Amino acid sequence: MINKRLGHALLSAVLILGVADIALADNASADKIQDFGPQTFAQLKTQFAGKAFVVSLWSVDCAPCRVELDMLGQMKKAAPDFPLVVISTDSIEKREDAADILDEYQLADEITWMFADSFVERLRFSIDPGWYGELPRSYFYDAEHNMMSHSGILTIEKFKELFPY
């Protein structure tokens, strides 16, 4: 009888630890998502001074965004040094949902951002004064930071046309 109880207790402990480990793994993905504030984009451009880079804007509730995230995940897998900035336009409170989606598309290891200011118009303006929130939205910067933008789902061919680096 004691052995049976001990066996059940050990099994319960293993299951609890397994669930806790999964929860910690999910939190680790969510922890890589950083707050995007009014000054963040200027700081990102400084970080990429003299370098070409791509910005991908998406949302948890945007089905077309997932097509693009899938493509970007495949591109990052093929070329891990590909200069990609991923920004979710969702409120930072949706961090766990965003982390699950990024994990699904093999982007969980990337440092990403989420809007962390309730005045989203100011955040959009900090990226592009002419952008009104349509998604998915991509920006292609060359080494001199000349920018081209694209709204809607990108194909790999269009992507390579806009970002031949």
C-alpha atoms as a PDB file:
ATOM      1  CA  MET A   1       0.000   0.000   0.000  1.00  0.00           C
ATOM      2  CA  ILE A   2       2.787   2.418   0.869  1.00  0.00           C
ATOM      3  CA  ASN A   3       4.629   1.604  -2.361  1.00  0.00           C
ATOM      4  CA  LYS A   4       1.493   2.303  -4.386  1.00  0.00           C
ATOM      5  CA  ARG A   5       1.012   5.693  -2.684  1.00  0.00           C
ATOM      6  CA  LEU A   6       4.668   6.517  -3.146  1.00  0.00           C
ATOM      7  CA  GLY A   7       4.380   5.587  -6.830  1.00  0.00           C
ATOM      8  CA  HIS A   8       1.354   7.870  -7.274  1.00  0.00           C
ATOM      9  CA  ALA A   9       3.104  10.689  -5.442  1.00  0.00           C
ATOM     10  CA  LEU A  10       6.199  10.342  -7.618  1.00  0.00           C
ATOM     11  CA  LEU A  11       4.103  10.237 -10.785  1.00  0.00           C
ATOM     12  CA  SER A  12       2.231  13.353  -9.676  1.00  0.00           C
ATOM     13  CA  ALA A  13       5.493  15.136  -8.916  1.00  0.00           C
ATOM     14  CA  VAL A  14       6.917  14.245 -12.342  1.00  0.00           C
ATOM     15  CA  LEU A  15       3.765  15.505 -14.081  1.00  0.00           C
ATOM     16  CA  ILE A  16       3.779  18.753 -12.095  1.00  0.00           C
ATOM     17  CA  LEU A  17       7.457  19.339 -12.862  1.00  0.00           C
ATOM     18  CA  GLY A  18       6.847  18.625 -16.548  1.00  0.00           C
ATOM     19  CA  VAL A  19       4.017  21.147 -16.710  1.00  0.00           C
ATOM     20  CA  ALA A  20       6.140  23.679 -14.817  1.00  0.00           C
ATOM     21  CA  ASP A  21       8.994  23.125 -17.272  1.00  0.00           C
ATOM     22  CA  ILE A  22       6.662  23.754 -20.228  1.00  0.00           C
ATOM     23  CA  ALA A  23       5.339  26.919 -18.560  1.00  0.00           C
ATOM     24  CA  LEU A  24       8.875  28.149 -17.957  1.00  0.00           C
ATOM     25  CA  ALA A  25       9.763  27.483 -21.588  1.00  0.00           C
ATOM     26  CA  ASP A  26       6.734  29.513 -22.706  1.00  0.00           C
ATOM     27  CA  ASN A  27       7.727  32.333 -20.379  1.00  0.00           C
ATOM     28  CA  ALA A  28      11.267  32.257 -21.774  1.00  0.00           C
ATOM     29  CA  SER A  29       9.892  32.893 -25.273  1.00  0.00           C
ATOM     30  CA  ALA A  30       7.660  35.664 -23.982  1.00  0.00           C
ATOM     31  CA  ASP A  31      10.566  37.187 -22.072  1.00  0.00           C
ATOM     32  CA  LYS A  32      12.400  37.807 -25.355  1.00  0.00           C
ATOM     33  CA  ILE A  33       9.621  40.145 -26.455  1.00  0.00           C
ATOM     34  CA  GLN A  34      10.585  43.680 -25.566  1.00  0.00           C
ATOM     35  CA  ASP A  35       8.493  46.799 -25.018  1.00  0.00           C
ATOM     36  CA  PHE A  36       8.225  49.038 -28.098  1.00  0.00           C
ATOM     37  CA  GLY A  37       7.881  52.668 -27.053  1.00  0.00           C
ATOM     38  CA  PRO A  38       8.008  56.042 -28.831  1.00  0.00           C
ATOM     39  CA  GLN A  39      11.846  56.096 -28.943  1.00  0.00           C
ATOM     40  CA  THR A  40      12.430  52.426 -29.766  1.00  0.00           C
ATOM     41  CA  PHE A  41      12.454  52.736 -33.542  1.00  0.00           C
ATOM     42  CA  ALA A  42      15.012  55.545 -33.527  1.00  0.00           C
ATOM     43  CA  GLN A  43      17.202  53.368 -31.289  1.00  0.00           C
ATOM     44  CA  LEU A  44      16.815  50.407 -33.660  1.00  0.00           C
ATOM     45  CA  LYS A  45      17.870  52.528 -36.617  1.00  0.00           C
ATOM     46  CA  THR A  46      20.948  53.621 -34.664  1.00  0.00           C
ATOM     47  CA  GLN A  47      21.712  49.980 -33.866  1.00  0.00           C
ATOM     48  CA  PHE A  48      21.636  49.232 -37.609  1.00  0.00           C
ATOM     49  CA  ALA A  49      23.694  52.298 -38.602  1.00  0.00           C
ATOM     50  CA  GLY A  50      25.406  51.599 -41.917  1.00  0.00           C
ATOM     51  CA  LYS A  51      23.583  48.281 -42.300  1.00  0.00           C
ATOM     52  CA  ALA A  52      20.620  47.137 -44.349  1.00  0.00           C
ATOM     53  CA  PHE A  53      17.698  45.616 -42.432  1.00  0.00           C
ATOM     54  CA  VAL A  54      14.048  44.614 -42.713  1.00  0.00           C
ATOM     55  CA  VAL A  55      11.171  45.496 -40.392  1.00  0.00           C
ATOM     56  CA  SER A  56       8.115  43.243 -40.264  1.00  0.00           C
ATOM     57  CA  LEU A  57       4.961  44.482 -38.538  1.00  0.00           C
ATOM     58  CA  TRP A  58       2.264  41.997 -37.596  1.00  0.00           C
ATOM     59  CA  SER A  59      -0.568  41.272 -35.176  1.00  0.00           C
ATOM     60  CA  VAL A  60      -1.794  38.244 -33.259  1.00  0.00           C
ATOM     61  CA  ASP A  61      -5.234  38.602 -34.888  1.00  0.00           C
ATOM     62  CA  CYS A  62      -3.941  39.092 -38.458  1.00  0.00           C
ATOM     63  CA  ALA A  63      -4.287  35.880 -40.509  1.00  0.00           C
ATOM     64  CA  PRO A  64      -2.313  37.245 -43.507  1.00  0.00           C
ATOM     65  CA  CYS A  65       0.512  38.138 -41.116  1.00  0.00           C
ATOM     66  CA  ARG A  66       0.984  34.460 -40.329  1.00  0.00           C
ATOM     67  CA  VAL A  67       1.723  33.687 -43.979  1.00  0.00           C
ATOM     68  CA  GLU A  68       4.475  36.284 -43.873  1.00  0.00           C
ATOM     69  CA  LEU A  69       5.784  35.110 -40.480  1.00  0.00           C
ATOM     70  CA  ASP A  70       6.050  31.606 -41.906  1.00  0.00           C
ATOM     71  CA  MET A  71       8.150  32.902 -44.810  1.00  0.00           C
ATOM     72  CA  LEU A  72      10.345  34.976 -42.496  1.00  0.00           C
ATOM     73  CA  GLY A  73      10.871  32.020 -40.174  1.00  0.00           C
ATOM     74  CA  GLN A  74      12.036  29.916 -43.102  1.00  0.00           C
ATOM     75  CA  MET A  75      14.355  32.709 -44.251  1.00  0.00           C
ATOM     76  CA  LYS A  76      15.868  33.046 -40.763  1.00  0.00           C
ATOM     77  CA  LYS A  77      16.380  29.301 -40.606  1.00  0.00           C
ATOM     78  CA  ALA A  78      18.218  29.369 -43.948  1.00  0.00           C
ATOM     79  CA  ALA A  79      20.205  32.525 -43.088  1.00  0.00           C
ATOM     80  CA  PRO A  80      20.379  33.093 -39.296  1.00  0.00           C
ATOM     81  CA  ASP A  81      22.266  36.396 -39.705  1.00  0.00           C
ATOM     82  CA  PHE A  82      19.486  37.864 -41.841  1.00  0.00           C
ATOM     83  CA  PRO A  83      18.876  41.374 -40.358  1.00  0.00           C
ATOM     84  CA  LEU A  84      15.232  41.184 -39.279  1.00  0.00           C
ATOM     85  CA  VAL A  85      13.283  43.349 -36.849  1.00  0.00           C
ATOM     86  CA  VAL A  86       9.884  41.876 -35.881  1.00  0.00           C
ATOM     87  CA  ILE A  87       7.330  44.156 -34.212  1.00  0.00           C
ATOM     88  CA  SER A  88       3.841  43.152 -33.095  1.00  0.00           C
ATOM     89  CA  THR A  89       1.339  45.986 -33.102  1.00  0.00           C
ATOM     90  CA  ASP A  90      -0.587  44.286 -30.311  1.00  0.00           C
ATOM     91  CA  SER A  91      -0.564  45.502 -26.756  1.00  0.00           C
ATOM     92  CA  ILE A  92       2.233  44.044 -24.651  1.00  0.00           C
ATOM     93  CA  GLU A  93      -0.478  42.320 -22.576  1.00  0.00           C
ATOM     94  CA  LYS A  94      -0.811  39.791 -25.440  1.00  0.00           C
ATOM     95  CA  ARG A  95       2.841  38.802 -24.996  1.00  0.00           C
ATOM     96  CA  GLU A  96       2.089  35.112 -24.305  1.00  0.00           C
ATOM     97  CA  ASP A  97      -0.094  34.801 -27.413  1.00  0.00           C
ATOM     98  CA  ALA A  98       2.566  36.485 -29.534  1.00  0.00           C
ATOM     99  CA  ALA A  99       5.287  34.223 -28.122  1.00  0.00           C
ATOM    100  CA  ASP A 100       3.251  31.132 -29.057  1.00  0.00           C
ATOM    101  CA  ILE A 101       2.842  32.379 -32.637  1.00  0.00           C
ATOM    102  CA  LEU A 102       6.512  33.340 -32.979  1.00  0.00           C
ATOM    103  CA  ASP A 103       7.459  29.903 -31.680  1.00  0.00           C
ATOM    104  CA  GLU A 104       5.183  28.267 -34.242  1.00  0.00           C
ATOM    105  CA  TYR A 105       7.001  30.096 -37.058  1.00  0.00           C
ATOM    106  CA  GLN A 106      10.517  29.482 -35.707  1.00  0.00           C
ATOM    107  CA  LEU A 107      11.001  33.112 -34.688  1.00  0.00           C
ATOM    108  CA  ALA A 108      10.894  32.601 -30.908  1.00  0.00           C
ATOM    109  CA  ASP A 109      14.658  32.981 -30.578  1.00  0.00           C
ATOM    110  CA  GLU A 110      14.603  36.395 -32.236  1.00  0.00           C
ATOM    111  CA  ILE A 111      14.431  39.487 -30.114  1.00  0.00           C
ATOM    112  CA  THR A 112      11.097  41.013 -30.994  1.00  0.00           C
ATOM    113  CA  TRP A 113       9.003  43.943 -29.851  1.00  0.00           C
ATOM    114  CA  MET A 114       5.374  44.646 -29.000  1.00  0.00           C
ATOM    115  CA  PHE A 115       3.602  47.958 -28.724  1.00  0.00           C
ATOM    116  CA  ALA A 116       3.843  49.069 -25.096  1.00  0.00           C
ATOM    117  CA  ASP A 117       2.054  52.407 -25.218  1.00  0.00           C
ATOM    118  CA  SER A 118      -1.720  52.840 -25.348  1.00  0.00           C
ATOM    119  CA  PHE A 119      -1.239  55.767 -27.771  1.00  0.00           C
ATOM    120  CA  VAL A 120      -0.626  53.458 -30.743  1.00  0.00           C
ATOM    121  CA  GLU A 121      -0.829  56.294 -33.262  1.00  0.00           C
ATOM    122  CA  ARG A 122       2.342  57.762 -31.752  1.00  0.00           C
ATOM    123  CA  LEU A 123       4.092  54.401 -32.070  1.00  0.00           C
ATOM    124  CA  ARG A 124       3.003  53.988 -35.697  1.00  0.00           C
ATOM    125  CA  PHE A 125       4.120  57.560 -36.423  1.00  0.00           C
ATOM    126  CA  SER A 126       7.554  56.818 -34.921  1.00  0.00           C
ATOM    127  CA  ILE A 127       7.979  54.075 -37.544  1.00  0.00           C
ATOM    128  CA  ASP A 128       6.367  55.827 -40.502  1.00  0.00           C
ATOM    129  CA  PRO A 129       4.260  59.017 -40.419  1.00  0.00           C
ATOM    130  CA  GLY A 130       2.401  57.786 -43.521  1.00  0.00           C
ATOM    131  CA  TRP A 131       1.416  54.404 -42.072  1.00  0.00           C
ATOM    132  CA  TYR A 132      -2.159  54.061 -40.828  1.00  0.00           C
ATOM    133  CA  GLY A 133      -1.983  50.583 -39.333  1.00  0.00           C
ATOM    134  CA  GLU A 134      -2.615  48.199 -42.258  1.00  0.00           C
ATOM    135  CA  LEU A 135      -1.017  44.781 -41.779  1.00  0.00           C
ATOM    136  CA  PRO A 136       1.100  42.993 -42.606  1.00  0.00           C
ATOM    137  CA  ARG A 137       3.471  45.860 -43.264  1.00  0.00           C
ATOM    138  CA  SER A 138       7.150  45.596 -44.151  1.00  0.00           C
ATOM    139  CA  TYR A 139       9.938  48.131 -44.428  1.00  0.00           C
ATOM    140  CA  PHE A 140      13.165  47.591 -46.308  1.00  0.00           C
ATOM    141  CA  TYR A 141      16.138  49.746 -45.377  1.00  0.00           C
ATOM    142  CA  ASP A 142      19.365  49.837 -47.344  1.00  0.00           C
ATOM    143  CA  ALA A 143      22.722  50.591 -45.693  1.00  0.00           C
ATOM    144  CA  GLU A 144      22.082  54.349 -46.014  1.00  0.00           C
ATOM    145  CA  HIS A 145      18.633  53.799 -44.480  1.00  0.00           C
ATOM    146  CA  ASN A 146      16.705  54.723 -47.593  1.00  0.00           C
ATOM    147  CA  MET A 147      13.363  53.033 -47.030  1.00  0.00           C
ATOM    148  CA  MET A 148      10.805  51.236 -49.154  1.00  0.00           C
ATOM    149  CA  SER A 149       7.557  49.978 -47.670  1.00  0.00           C
ATOM    150  CA  HIS A 150       5.120  47.244 -48.615  1.00  0.00           C
ATOM    151  CA  SER A 151       1.605  46.561 -47.322  1.00  0.00           C
ATOM    152  CA  GLY A 152       0.071  43.115 -47.653  1.00  0.00           C
ATOM    153  CA  ILE A 153       1.499  39.625 -47.864  1.00  0.00           C
ATOM    154  CA  LEU A 154       4.923  39.379 -49.438  1.00  0.00           C
ATOM    155  CA  THR A 155       5.989  36.584 -51.712  1.00  0.00           C
ATOM    156  CA  ILE A 156       9.585  35.423 -51.518  1.00  0.00           C
ATOM    157  CA  GLU A 157      10.136  36.859 -55.022  1.00  0.00           C
ATOM    158  CA  LYS A 158       8.806  40.289 -54.054  1.00  0.00           C
ATOM    159  CA  PHE A 159      10.808  40.175 -50.849  1.00  0.00           C
ATOM    160  CA  LYS A 160      14.044  39.506 -52.755  1.00  0.00           C
ATOM    161  CA  GLU A 161      13.189  42.265 -55.217  1.00  0.00           C
ATOM    162  CA  LEU A 162      12.755  44.781 -52.382  1.00  0.00           C
ATOM    163  CA  PHE A 163      15.679  43.468 -50.305  1.00  0.00           C
ATOM    164  CA  PRO A 164      18.431  42.157 -52.607  1.00  0.00           C
ATOM    165  CA  TYR A 165      21.139  42.214 -49.913  1.00  0.00           C
END
